[in-house]
Amino acid sequence: MLRIDDDVSEGITRTAREQNASLILLGWSRQGFRAKLFGTLVDEVFWSSHCPVVVARLLAEPIDIHRVLVPMKTITPQAVRTVRFAQMFADTHKAQVTLLHVCDRHTPESQVKALEAALTRVMGEGPQISWNLLTLIHDNPAEIILETAQTHDMIVLRSMRRRTAGGLAVSNVTHQVINEATCSLVLFGEPHT
């Protein structure tokens, strides 16, 4: 669709509203992610969209992505939508999803088991794909995500939208994973409400 608008990000979000889009998909290059995300087109689309926004850095064709890693901290409606995105991608491209939960050594076993049970229910409610759940104890979540990602083709991360003086803020873990990952990345952001 071709559109003339006085602002690129507003043109994207206006078109998405007019078309009743359920998702906006944007690409980004490996170089200069921070420069491109903070205070630029991607940041502006993240903040003004009415629907989820996915920013993707694909280093391979989607058909060649067979193992998808989805780090999970808790189960929230936003986290479930991120999992659904990964499930739909895996279903479409015949891929396998690994849900990765990193907890510290002080996390009670009952809390870990409850999260595992809840994640199993979530996965059962979406497209039926090949998946597994990996719970690891580690003090540095970014380090273990990056280590686990070495055997995966793509990581799907969730962005928490927080406005800062510099624009969109992502967690330190997410920022480190974005900067150091050597596989394809997808950053999934919810609409700003």
N, C-alpha and C. Protein backbone atom coordinates (compact mmCIF):
# COMPACT_ATOMS: atom_id res chain seq x y z
N MET A 1 0.85 -1.16 0.00
CA MET A 1 0.00 0.00 0.00
C MET A 1 0.90 1.24 0.00
N LEU A 2 0.63 2.14 -0.88
CA LEU A 2 1.39 3.38 -0.98
C LEU A 2 0.60 4.49 -0.29
N ARG A 3 1.32 5.28 0.51
CA ARG A 3 0.65 6.35 1.24
C ARG A 3 1.56 7.56 1.29
N ILE A 4 0.96 8.72 1.15
CA ILE A 4 1.69 9.98 1.31
C ILE A 4 1.24 10.57 2.64
N ASP A 5 2.20 10.91 3.48
CA ASP A 5 1.88 11.44 4.79
C ASP A 5 3.00 12.39 5.18
N ASP A 6 2.71 13.32 6.07
CA ASP A 6 3.74 14.27 6.49
C ASP A 6 4.69 13.68 7.53
N ASP A 7 4.37 12.51 8.07
CA ASP A 7 5.22 11.85 9.05
C ASP A 7 5.16 10.35 8.81
N VAL A 8 6.32 9.72 8.66
CA VAL A 8 6.37 8.29 8.32
C VAL A 8 5.71 7.43 9.39
N SER A 9 6.08 7.66 10.66
CA SER A 9 5.51 6.82 11.72
C SER A 9 4.00 7.01 11.84
N GLU A 10 3.54 8.25 11.72
CA GLU A 10 2.09 8.49 11.77
C GLU A 10 1.40 7.88 10.56
N GLY A 11 2.06 7.91 9.41
CA GLY A 11 1.50 7.27 8.22
C GLY A 11 1.32 5.77 8.42
N ILE A 12 2.31 5.15 9.05
CA ILE A 12 2.23 3.70 9.32
C ILE A 12 1.10 3.42 10.30
N THR A 13 1.04 4.16 11.39
CA THR A 13 0.02 3.87 12.39
C THR A 13 -1.38 4.26 11.92
N ARG A 14 -1.50 5.34 11.15
CA ARG A 14 -2.82 5.69 10.60
C ARG A 14 -3.31 4.61 9.64
N THR A 15 -2.41 4.15 8.78
CA THR A 15 -2.78 3.10 7.83
C THR A 15 -3.19 1.83 8.57
N ALA A 16 -2.43 1.50 9.63
CA ALA A 16 -2.77 0.30 10.42
C ALA A 16 -4.16 0.42 11.02
N ARG A 17 -4.50 1.62 11.52
CA ARG A 17 -5.85 1.83 12.08
C ARG A 17 -6.91 1.73 10.99
N GLU A 18 -6.66 2.39 9.85
CA GLU A 18 -7.63 2.37 8.74
C GLU A 18 -7.87 0.95 8.22
N GLN A 19 -6.83 0.14 8.22
CA GLN A 19 -6.95 -1.23 7.72
C GLN A 19 -7.35 -2.21 8.82
N ASN A 20 -7.57 -1.68 10.02
CA ASN A 20 -7.90 -2.51 11.18
C ASN A 20 -6.86 -3.63 11.36
N ALA A 21 -5.60 -3.26 11.24
CA ALA A 21 -4.50 -4.23 11.36
C ALA A 21 -4.45 -4.81 12.77
N SER A 22 -4.07 -6.07 12.86
CA SER A 22 -3.92 -6.70 14.17
C SER A 22 -2.45 -6.79 14.58
N LEU A 23 -1.54 -6.39 13.67
CA LEU A 23 -0.12 -6.45 13.95
C LEU A 23 0.61 -5.55 12.97
N ILE A 24 1.62 -4.83 13.45
CA ILE A 24 2.51 -4.06 12.59
C ILE A 24 3.87 -4.74 12.66
N LEU A 25 4.43 -5.08 11.50
CA LEU A 25 5.73 -5.75 11.43
C LEU A 25 6.73 -4.80 10.80
N LEU A 26 7.80 -4.51 11.54
CA LEU A 26 8.87 -3.63 11.06
C LEU A 26 10.18 -4.39 11.07
N GLY A 27 11.08 -4.04 10.18
CA GLY A 27 12.40 -4.66 10.16
C GLY A 27 13.43 -3.73 10.76
N TRP A 28 14.55 -4.31 11.19
CA TRP A 28 15.68 -3.48 11.62
C TRP A 28 16.96 -4.20 11.25
N SER A 29 18.00 -3.42 11.06
CA SER A 29 19.29 -4.01 10.71
C SER A 29 20.08 -4.27 11.98
N ARG A 30 21.08 -5.09 11.86
CA ARG A 30 21.92 -5.45 13.00
C ARG A 30 22.72 -4.24 13.48
N GLN A 31 23.14 -3.38 12.58
CA GLN A 31 23.93 -2.22 12.97
C GLN A 31 23.01 -1.15 13.55
N GLY A 32 23.46 -0.57 14.60
CA GLY A 32 22.80 0.61 15.15
C GLY A 32 21.41 0.37 15.69
N PHE A 33 21.16 -0.79 16.31
CA PHE A 33 19.82 -1.05 16.83
C PHE A 33 19.41 0.04 17.80
N ARG A 34 20.28 0.39 18.73
CA ARG A 34 19.90 1.38 19.74
C ARG A 34 19.56 2.70 19.07
N ALA A 35 20.36 3.10 18.08
CA ALA A 35 20.09 4.36 17.38
C ALA A 35 18.77 4.28 16.64
N LYS A 36 18.44 3.11 16.11
CA LYS A 36 17.21 2.98 15.35
C LYS A 36 15.99 2.83 16.25
N LEU A 37 16.18 2.29 17.45
CA LEU A 37 15.03 2.05 18.31
C LEU A 37 14.69 3.26 19.17
N PHE A 38 15.67 3.88 19.73
CA PHE A 38 15.41 4.94 20.68
C PHE A 38 15.24 6.28 19.96
N GLY A 39 14.05 6.84 20.03
CA GLY A 39 13.81 8.17 19.49
C GLY A 39 13.68 8.24 17.99
N THR A 40 13.37 7.13 17.31
CA THR A 40 13.28 7.15 15.86
C THR A 40 11.97 6.51 15.41
N LEU A 41 11.93 6.14 14.15
CA LEU A 41 10.73 5.59 13.54
C LEU A 41 10.15 4.42 14.34
N VAL A 42 10.99 3.45 14.70
CA VAL A 42 10.50 2.28 15.43
C VAL A 42 9.91 2.71 16.77
N ASP A 43 10.62 3.58 17.47
CA ASP A 43 10.14 4.08 18.75
C ASP A 43 8.80 4.78 18.60
N GLU A 44 8.67 5.62 17.60
CA GLU A 44 7.43 6.36 17.38
C GLU A 44 6.27 5.43 17.03
N VAL A 45 6.53 4.40 16.22
CA VAL A 45 5.48 3.44 15.88
C VAL A 45 5.09 2.65 17.13
N PHE A 46 6.07 2.23 17.92
CA PHE A 46 5.77 1.52 19.17
C PHE A 46 4.83 2.33 20.04
N TRP A 47 5.07 3.64 20.14
CA TRP A 47 4.28 4.46 21.05
C TRP A 47 2.93 4.87 20.51
N SER A 48 2.78 4.91 19.20
CA SER A 48 1.51 5.42 18.67
C SER A 48 0.60 4.34 18.09
N SER A 49 1.03 3.10 18.09
CA SER A 49 0.22 2.05 17.47
C SER A 49 -0.96 1.64 18.34
N HIS A 50 -2.00 1.18 17.69
CA HIS A 50 -3.18 0.68 18.38
C HIS A 50 -3.13 -0.84 18.54
N CYS A 51 -2.17 -1.47 17.88
CA CYS A 51 -2.06 -2.93 17.88
C CYS A 51 -0.61 -3.32 18.21
N PRO A 52 -0.36 -4.60 18.44
CA PRO A 52 1.01 -5.02 18.73
C PRO A 52 1.96 -4.67 17.57
N VAL A 53 3.21 -4.42 17.93
CA VAL A 53 4.25 -4.11 16.95
C VAL A 53 5.36 -5.14 17.11
N VAL A 54 5.77 -5.71 15.99
CA VAL A 54 6.87 -6.66 15.99
C VAL A 54 8.01 -6.03 15.18
N VAL A 55 9.18 -5.96 15.79
CA VAL A 55 10.37 -5.49 15.11
C VAL A 55 11.26 -6.70 14.93
N ALA A 56 11.60 -7.01 13.69
CA ALA A 56 12.32 -8.25 13.39
C ALA A 56 13.65 -7.99 12.71
N ARG A 57 14.65 -8.71 13.19
CA ARG A 57 15.95 -8.76 12.52
C ARG A 57 16.15 -10.22 12.13
N LEU A 58 15.81 -10.54 10.90
CA LEU A 58 15.91 -11.92 10.44
C LEU A 58 17.22 -12.10 9.69
N LEU A 59 18.04 -13.01 10.17
CA LEU A 59 19.31 -13.31 9.53
C LEU A 59 19.20 -14.48 8.57
N ALA A 60 18.02 -15.09 8.53
CA ALA A 60 17.74 -16.21 7.63
C ALA A 60 16.31 -16.05 7.13
N GLU A 61 16.01 -16.71 6.05
CA GLU A 61 14.64 -16.73 5.55
C GLU A 61 13.75 -17.41 6.60
N PRO A 62 12.53 -16.94 6.79
CA PRO A 62 11.65 -17.56 7.80
C PRO A 62 11.51 -19.08 7.62
N ILE A 63 11.51 -19.55 6.40
CA ILE A 63 11.37 -20.98 6.15
C ILE A 63 12.57 -21.77 6.69
N ASP A 64 13.70 -21.07 6.89
CA ASP A 64 14.91 -21.72 7.40
C ASP A 64 15.07 -21.57 8.91
N ILE A 65 14.09 -21.00 9.57
CA ILE A 65 14.12 -20.85 11.03
C ILE A 65 13.33 -22.01 11.62
N HIS A 66 14.06 -22.94 12.28
CA HIS A 66 13.44 -24.16 12.77
C HIS A 66 13.35 -24.26 14.29
N ARG A 67 14.17 -23.46 15.00
CA ARG A 67 14.16 -23.51 16.46
C ARG A 67 14.02 -22.11 17.00
N VAL A 68 12.92 -21.87 17.72
CA VAL A 68 12.58 -20.54 18.24
C VAL A 68 12.68 -20.57 19.77
N LEU A 69 13.41 -19.62 20.32
CA LEU A 69 13.58 -19.50 21.77
C LEU A 69 12.74 -18.33 22.28
N VAL A 70 11.92 -18.60 23.31
CA VAL A 70 11.07 -17.57 23.90
C VAL A 70 11.35 -17.51 25.40
N PRO A 71 12.16 -16.54 25.85
CA PRO A 71 12.38 -16.40 27.29
C PRO A 71 11.09 -15.94 27.98
N MET A 72 10.78 -16.56 29.11
CA MET A 72 9.56 -16.26 29.86
C MET A 72 9.92 -15.98 31.31
N LYS A 73 9.45 -14.86 31.82
CA LYS A 73 9.69 -14.52 33.22
C LYS A 73 8.45 -14.82 34.06
N THR A 74 7.30 -14.36 33.59
CA THR A 74 6.02 -14.57 34.27
C THR A 74 4.94 -14.77 33.22
N ILE A 75 3.76 -15.12 33.69
CA ILE A 75 2.64 -15.24 32.76
C ILE A 75 1.72 -14.05 32.97
N THR A 76 1.69 -13.21 31.96
CA THR A 76 0.80 -12.07 31.91
C THR A 76 0.08 -12.15 30.56
N PRO A 77 -0.99 -11.40 30.37
CA PRO A 77 -1.64 -11.41 29.04
C PRO A 77 -0.66 -11.03 27.93
N GLN A 78 0.25 -10.09 28.20
CA GLN A 78 1.23 -9.69 27.19
C GLN A 78 2.20 -10.82 26.89
N ALA A 79 2.63 -11.53 27.92
CA ALA A 79 3.55 -12.65 27.71
C ALA A 79 2.86 -13.77 26.92
N VAL A 80 1.59 -13.99 27.20
CA VAL A 80 0.84 -15.02 26.46
C VAL A 80 0.74 -14.64 24.98
N ARG A 81 0.51 -13.36 24.68
CA ARG A 81 0.46 -12.93 23.27
C ARG A 81 1.80 -13.13 22.58
N THR A 82 2.89 -12.95 23.31
CA THR A 82 4.22 -13.19 22.74
C THR A 82 4.39 -14.67 22.42
N VAL A 83 3.94 -15.52 23.34
CA VAL A 83 4.00 -16.97 23.11
C VAL A 83 3.13 -17.34 21.90
N ARG A 84 1.94 -16.74 21.80
CA ARG A 84 1.06 -17.03 20.66
C ARG A 84 1.72 -16.64 19.34
N PHE A 85 2.41 -15.50 19.33
CA PHE A 85 3.14 -15.09 18.13
C PHE A 85 4.16 -16.17 17.76
N ALA A 86 4.93 -16.64 18.74
CA ALA A 86 5.92 -17.68 18.48
C ALA A 86 5.25 -18.97 18.00
N GLN A 87 4.12 -19.32 18.60
CA GLN A 87 3.40 -20.52 18.17
C GLN A 87 2.91 -20.39 16.73
N MET A 88 2.35 -19.23 16.39
CA MET A 88 1.86 -19.04 15.02
C MET A 88 3.02 -19.08 14.02
N PHE A 89 4.14 -18.46 14.39
CA PHE A 89 5.31 -18.50 13.52
C PHE A 89 5.76 -19.94 13.33
N ALA A 90 5.86 -20.68 14.44
CA ALA A 90 6.31 -22.08 14.38
C ALA A 90 5.33 -22.94 13.58
N ASP A 91 4.05 -22.71 13.76
CA ASP A 91 3.04 -23.47 13.04
C ASP A 91 3.15 -23.21 11.53
N THR A 92 3.36 -21.97 11.17
CA THR A 92 3.45 -21.58 9.76
C THR A 92 4.72 -22.12 9.11
N HIS A 93 5.83 -22.14 9.87
CA HIS A 93 7.13 -22.48 9.29
C HIS A 93 7.68 -23.82 9.76
N LYS A 94 6.84 -24.64 10.37
CA LYS A 94 7.24 -25.97 10.82
C LYS A 94 8.45 -25.91 11.75
N ALA A 95 8.39 -25.00 12.70
CA ALA A 95 9.49 -24.81 13.65
C ALA A 95 9.11 -25.35 15.02
N GLN A 96 10.10 -25.45 15.89
CA GLN A 96 9.89 -25.88 17.26
C GLN A 96 10.14 -24.70 18.18
N VAL A 97 9.36 -24.58 19.25
CA VAL A 97 9.50 -23.49 20.21
C VAL A 97 10.05 -24.04 21.52
N THR A 98 11.02 -23.34 22.07
CA THR A 98 11.53 -23.62 23.41
C THR A 98 11.18 -22.44 24.30
N LEU A 99 10.39 -22.69 25.33
CA LEU A 99 10.11 -21.67 26.34
C LEU A 99 11.22 -21.79 27.39
N LEU A 100 11.89 -20.68 27.64
CA LEU A 100 13.00 -20.67 28.60
C LEU A 100 12.62 -19.82 29.80
N HIS A 101 12.61 -20.45 30.97
CA HIS A 101 12.37 -19.72 32.21
C HIS A 101 13.65 -19.76 33.02
N VAL A 102 14.21 -18.58 33.29
CA VAL A 102 15.42 -18.47 34.09
C VAL A 102 15.01 -17.94 35.46
N CYS A 103 15.36 -18.70 36.49
CA CYS A 103 15.04 -18.26 37.85
C CYS A 103 16.31 -18.30 38.70
N ASP A 104 16.29 -17.55 39.77
CA ASP A 104 17.47 -17.59 40.64
C ASP A 104 17.34 -18.74 41.63
N ARG A 105 18.41 -19.01 42.32
CA ARG A 105 18.44 -20.18 43.21
C ARG A 105 17.54 -20.03 44.43
N HIS A 106 17.01 -18.84 44.66
CA HIS A 106 16.13 -18.61 45.80
C HIS A 106 14.65 -18.77 45.45
N THR A 107 14.35 -19.04 44.20
CA THR A 107 12.97 -19.21 43.78
C THR A 107 12.43 -20.52 44.35
N PRO A 108 11.33 -20.46 45.08
CA PRO A 108 10.77 -21.70 45.66
C PRO A 108 10.36 -22.68 44.56
N GLU A 109 10.59 -23.95 44.83
CA GLU A 109 10.25 -25.02 43.88
C GLU A 109 8.77 -24.98 43.52
N SER A 110 7.92 -24.66 44.48
CA SER A 110 6.48 -24.61 44.22
C SER A 110 6.14 -23.51 43.20
N GLN A 111 6.86 -22.40 43.26
CA GLN A 111 6.64 -21.31 42.31
C GLN A 111 7.08 -21.73 40.90
N VAL A 112 8.20 -22.44 40.82
CA VAL A 112 8.70 -22.92 39.52
C VAL A 112 7.69 -23.91 38.93
N LYS A 113 7.21 -24.84 39.74
CA LYS A 113 6.25 -25.86 39.26
C LYS A 113 4.94 -25.20 38.82
N ALA A 114 4.48 -24.20 39.56
CA ALA A 114 3.24 -23.50 39.19
C ALA A 114 3.40 -22.80 37.85
N LEU A 115 4.55 -22.16 37.63
CA LEU A 115 4.79 -21.49 36.35
C LEU A 115 4.87 -22.51 35.22
N GLU A 116 5.54 -23.61 35.45
CA GLU A 116 5.64 -24.66 34.43
C GLU A 116 4.26 -25.20 34.06
N ALA A 117 3.41 -25.41 35.06
CA ALA A 117 2.06 -25.90 34.80
C ALA A 117 1.25 -24.87 34.01
N ALA A 118 1.39 -23.61 34.39
CA ALA A 118 0.67 -22.55 33.68
C ALA A 118 1.16 -22.42 32.24
N LEU A 119 2.46 -22.52 32.01
CA LEU A 119 3.00 -22.46 30.65
C LEU A 119 2.52 -23.64 29.81
N THR A 120 2.41 -24.81 30.41
CA THR A 120 1.90 -25.98 29.71
C THR A 120 0.45 -25.75 29.28
N ARG A 121 -0.36 -25.14 30.16
CA ARG A 121 -1.75 -24.81 29.80
C ARG A 121 -1.79 -23.81 28.65
N VAL A 122 -0.95 -22.77 28.74
CA VAL A 122 -0.91 -21.75 27.69
C VAL A 122 -0.57 -22.38 26.35
N MET A 123 0.42 -23.24 26.33
CA MET A 123 0.83 -23.86 25.07
C MET A 123 -0.26 -24.78 24.52
N GLY A 124 -1.02 -25.40 25.40
CA GLY A 124 -2.10 -26.28 24.97
C GLY A 124 -3.27 -25.53 24.36
N GLU A 125 -3.39 -24.24 24.65
CA GLU A 125 -4.51 -23.45 24.15
C GLU A 125 -4.23 -22.82 22.79
N GLY A 126 -2.99 -22.87 22.33
CA GLY A 126 -2.62 -22.27 21.05
C GLY A 126 -2.45 -23.33 19.97
N PRO A 127 -1.90 -22.93 18.83
CA PRO A 127 -1.64 -23.90 17.76
C PRO A 127 -0.79 -25.06 18.27
N GLN A 128 -1.14 -26.25 17.84
CA GLN A 128 -0.42 -27.44 18.29
C GLN A 128 0.88 -27.59 17.51
N ILE A 129 1.98 -27.32 18.19
CA ILE A 129 3.30 -27.35 17.58
C ILE A 129 4.22 -28.19 18.46
N SER A 130 5.42 -28.43 17.96
CA SER A 130 6.44 -29.09 18.75
C SER A 130 7.07 -28.04 19.67
N TRP A 131 7.09 -28.32 20.97
CA TRP A 131 7.65 -27.35 21.91
C TRP A 131 8.21 -28.06 23.12
N ASN A 132 9.07 -27.35 23.83
CA ASN A 132 9.56 -27.86 25.10
C ASN A 132 9.76 -26.70 26.06
N LEU A 133 9.86 -27.03 27.32
CA LEU A 133 10.02 -26.04 28.38
C LEU A 133 11.34 -26.31 29.08
N LEU A 134 12.14 -25.28 29.19
CA LEU A 134 13.44 -25.39 29.83
C LEU A 134 13.49 -24.40 30.99
N THR A 135 13.65 -24.91 32.22
CA THR A 135 13.77 -24.06 33.39
C THR A 135 15.20 -24.19 33.89
N LEU A 136 15.89 -23.06 33.96
CA LEU A 136 17.28 -23.06 34.39
C LEU A 136 17.48 -22.10 35.56
N ILE A 137 18.34 -22.49 36.47
CA ILE A 137 18.68 -21.64 37.60
C ILE A 137 19.98 -20.93 37.26
N HIS A 138 19.93 -19.61 37.29
CA HIS A 138 21.11 -18.82 36.94
C HIS A 138 20.94 -17.41 37.48
N ASP A 139 22.03 -16.78 37.86
CA ASP A 139 21.97 -15.43 38.41
C ASP A 139 21.97 -14.35 37.33
N ASN A 140 22.34 -14.71 36.11
CA ASN A 140 22.42 -13.74 35.02
C ASN A 140 21.52 -14.21 33.87
N PRO A 141 20.26 -13.77 33.83
CA PRO A 141 19.34 -14.24 32.79
C PRO A 141 19.84 -13.97 31.37
N ALA A 142 20.42 -12.80 31.12
CA ALA A 142 20.90 -12.49 29.77
C ALA A 142 21.96 -13.48 29.32
N GLU A 143 22.86 -13.82 30.22
CA GLU A 143 23.94 -14.76 29.89
C GLU A 143 23.37 -16.12 29.50
N ILE A 144 22.41 -16.62 30.26
CA ILE A 144 21.86 -17.95 29.97
C ILE A 144 20.96 -17.92 28.73
N ILE A 145 20.28 -16.81 28.49
CA ILE A 145 19.49 -16.68 27.26
C ILE A 145 20.42 -16.73 26.05
N LEU A 146 21.50 -15.97 26.11
CA LEU A 146 22.46 -15.96 24.99
C LEU A 146 23.12 -17.32 24.79
N GLU A 147 23.43 -17.99 25.88
CA GLU A 147 24.03 -19.32 25.78
C GLU A 147 23.04 -20.31 25.15
N THR A 148 21.81 -20.28 25.61
CA THR A 148 20.79 -21.18 25.07
C THR A 148 20.49 -20.85 23.61
N ALA A 149 20.54 -19.58 23.26
CA ALA A 149 20.24 -19.14 21.89
C ALA A 149 21.24 -19.67 20.87
N GLN A 150 22.40 -20.10 21.31
CA GLN A 150 23.39 -20.62 20.37
C GLN A 150 22.89 -21.85 19.63
N THR A 151 21.91 -22.55 20.18
CA THR A 151 21.35 -23.73 19.50
C THR A 151 19.98 -23.43 18.88
N HIS A 152 19.65 -22.15 18.75
CA HIS A 152 18.37 -21.74 18.18
C HIS A 152 18.59 -20.80 17.01
N ASP A 153 17.58 -20.69 16.17
CA ASP A 153 17.66 -19.85 14.98
C ASP A 153 17.08 -18.45 15.21
N MET A 154 16.23 -18.32 16.22
CA MET A 154 15.57 -17.04 16.47
C MET A 154 15.17 -16.93 17.94
N ILE A 155 15.26 -15.71 18.46
CA ILE A 155 14.80 -15.41 19.82
C ILE A 155 13.61 -14.45 19.69
N VAL A 156 12.55 -14.73 20.43
CA VAL A 156 11.40 -13.82 20.48
C VAL A 156 11.39 -13.20 21.88
N LEU A 157 11.59 -11.88 21.91
CA LEU A 157 11.63 -11.14 23.17
C LEU A 157 10.42 -10.23 23.27
N ARG A 158 10.03 -9.94 24.48
CA ARG A 158 8.92 -9.02 24.71
C ARG A 158 9.48 -7.70 25.21
N SER A 159 8.99 -6.63 24.63
CA SER A 159 9.42 -5.30 25.04
C SER A 159 8.40 -4.71 25.99
N MET A 160 8.88 -4.21 27.10
CA MET A 160 8.03 -3.47 28.02
C MET A 160 8.12 -2.01 27.62
N ARG A 161 7.03 -1.40 27.26
CA ARG A 161 7.07 0.00 26.86
C ARG A 161 7.10 0.89 28.08
N ARG A 162 8.21 1.57 28.24
CA ARG A 162 8.33 2.58 29.28
C ARG A 162 8.95 3.78 28.62
N ARG A 163 8.33 4.89 28.80
CA ARG A 163 8.87 6.11 28.19
C ARG A 163 9.96 6.67 29.09
N THR A 164 11.07 7.01 28.46
CA THR A 164 12.17 7.65 29.16
C THR A 164 12.53 8.91 28.40
N ALA A 165 13.46 9.66 28.94
CA ALA A 165 13.91 10.88 28.25
C ALA A 165 14.50 10.53 26.89
N GLY A 166 15.07 9.33 26.77
CA GLY A 166 15.69 8.91 25.51
C GLY A 166 14.74 8.17 24.60
N GLY A 167 13.50 7.97 24.98
CA GLY A 167 12.55 7.24 24.12
C GLY A 167 12.12 5.94 24.76
N LEU A 168 12.08 4.88 23.97
CA LEU A 168 11.63 3.57 24.42
C LEU A 168 12.70 2.91 25.27
N ALA A 169 12.31 2.37 26.41
CA ALA A 169 13.27 1.69 27.29
C ALA A 169 13.02 0.19 27.20
N VAL A 170 14.08 -0.57 27.13
CA VAL A 170 13.98 -2.01 27.23
C VAL A 170 14.82 -2.42 28.45
N SER A 171 14.51 -3.57 29.00
CA SER A 171 15.23 -3.99 30.20
C SER A 171 16.70 -4.22 29.87
N ASN A 172 17.53 -4.24 30.91
CA ASN A 172 18.95 -4.52 30.71
C ASN A 172 19.17 -5.89 30.10
N VAL A 173 18.36 -6.86 30.51
CA VAL A 173 18.48 -8.21 29.96
C VAL A 173 18.17 -8.18 28.47
N THR A 174 17.04 -7.57 28.11
CA THR A 174 16.65 -7.48 26.70
C THR A 174 17.71 -6.73 25.90
N HIS A 175 18.20 -5.65 26.44
CA HIS A 175 19.21 -4.85 25.74
C HIS A 175 20.47 -5.67 25.49
N GLN A 176 20.92 -6.40 26.50
CA GLN A 176 22.13 -7.22 26.33
C GLN A 176 21.90 -8.32 25.30
N VAL A 177 20.73 -8.96 25.34
CA VAL A 177 20.44 -10.02 24.38
C VAL A 177 20.40 -9.45 22.96
N ILE A 178 19.75 -8.30 22.79
CA ILE A 178 19.68 -7.67 21.48
C ILE A 178 21.08 -7.37 20.95
N ASN A 179 21.94 -6.84 21.80
CA ASN A 179 23.28 -6.44 21.37
C ASN A 179 24.21 -7.61 21.09
N GLU A 180 24.01 -8.74 21.79
CA GLU A 180 24.98 -9.83 21.69
C GLU A 180 24.49 -11.07 20.95
N ALA A 181 23.22 -11.18 20.68
CA ALA A 181 22.71 -12.38 20.02
C ALA A 181 23.25 -12.48 18.59
N THR A 182 23.54 -13.69 18.18
CA THR A 182 24.06 -13.92 16.84
C THR A 182 23.03 -14.58 15.93
N CYS A 183 21.82 -14.76 16.44
CA CYS A 183 20.75 -15.36 15.63
C CYS A 183 19.70 -14.29 15.33
N SER A 184 18.69 -14.67 14.59
CA SER A 184 17.59 -13.76 14.29
C SER A 184 16.89 -13.36 15.59
N LEU A 185 16.32 -12.15 15.58
CA LEU A 185 15.64 -11.63 16.76
C LEU A 185 14.30 -11.03 16.38
N VAL A 186 13.33 -11.19 17.26
CA VAL A 186 12.05 -10.54 17.13
C VAL A 186 11.75 -9.86 18.45
N LEU A 187 11.45 -8.59 18.41
CA LEU A 187 11.06 -7.83 19.60
C LEU A 187 9.58 -7.55 19.48
N PHE A 188 8.80 -8.09 20.39
CA PHE A 188 7.33 -8.02 20.34
C PHE A 188 6.88 -6.98 21.36
N GLY A 189 6.16 -5.96 20.90
CA GLY A 189 5.67 -4.92 21.80
C GLY A 189 4.16 -4.79 21.74
N GLU A 190 3.56 -4.60 22.88
CA GLU A 190 2.12 -4.44 22.99
C GLU A 190 1.72 -3.01 22.66
N PRO A 191 0.46 -2.80 22.29
CA PRO A 191 0.01 -1.43 22.04
C PRO A 191 0.07 -0.59 23.31
N HIS A 192 0.38 0.67 23.13
CA HIS A 192 0.43 1.60 24.26
C HIS A 192 -1.00 1.97 24.63
N THR A 193 -1.34 1.78 25.89
CA THR A 193 -2.71 2.10 26.32
C THR A 193 -2.72 3.25 27.28
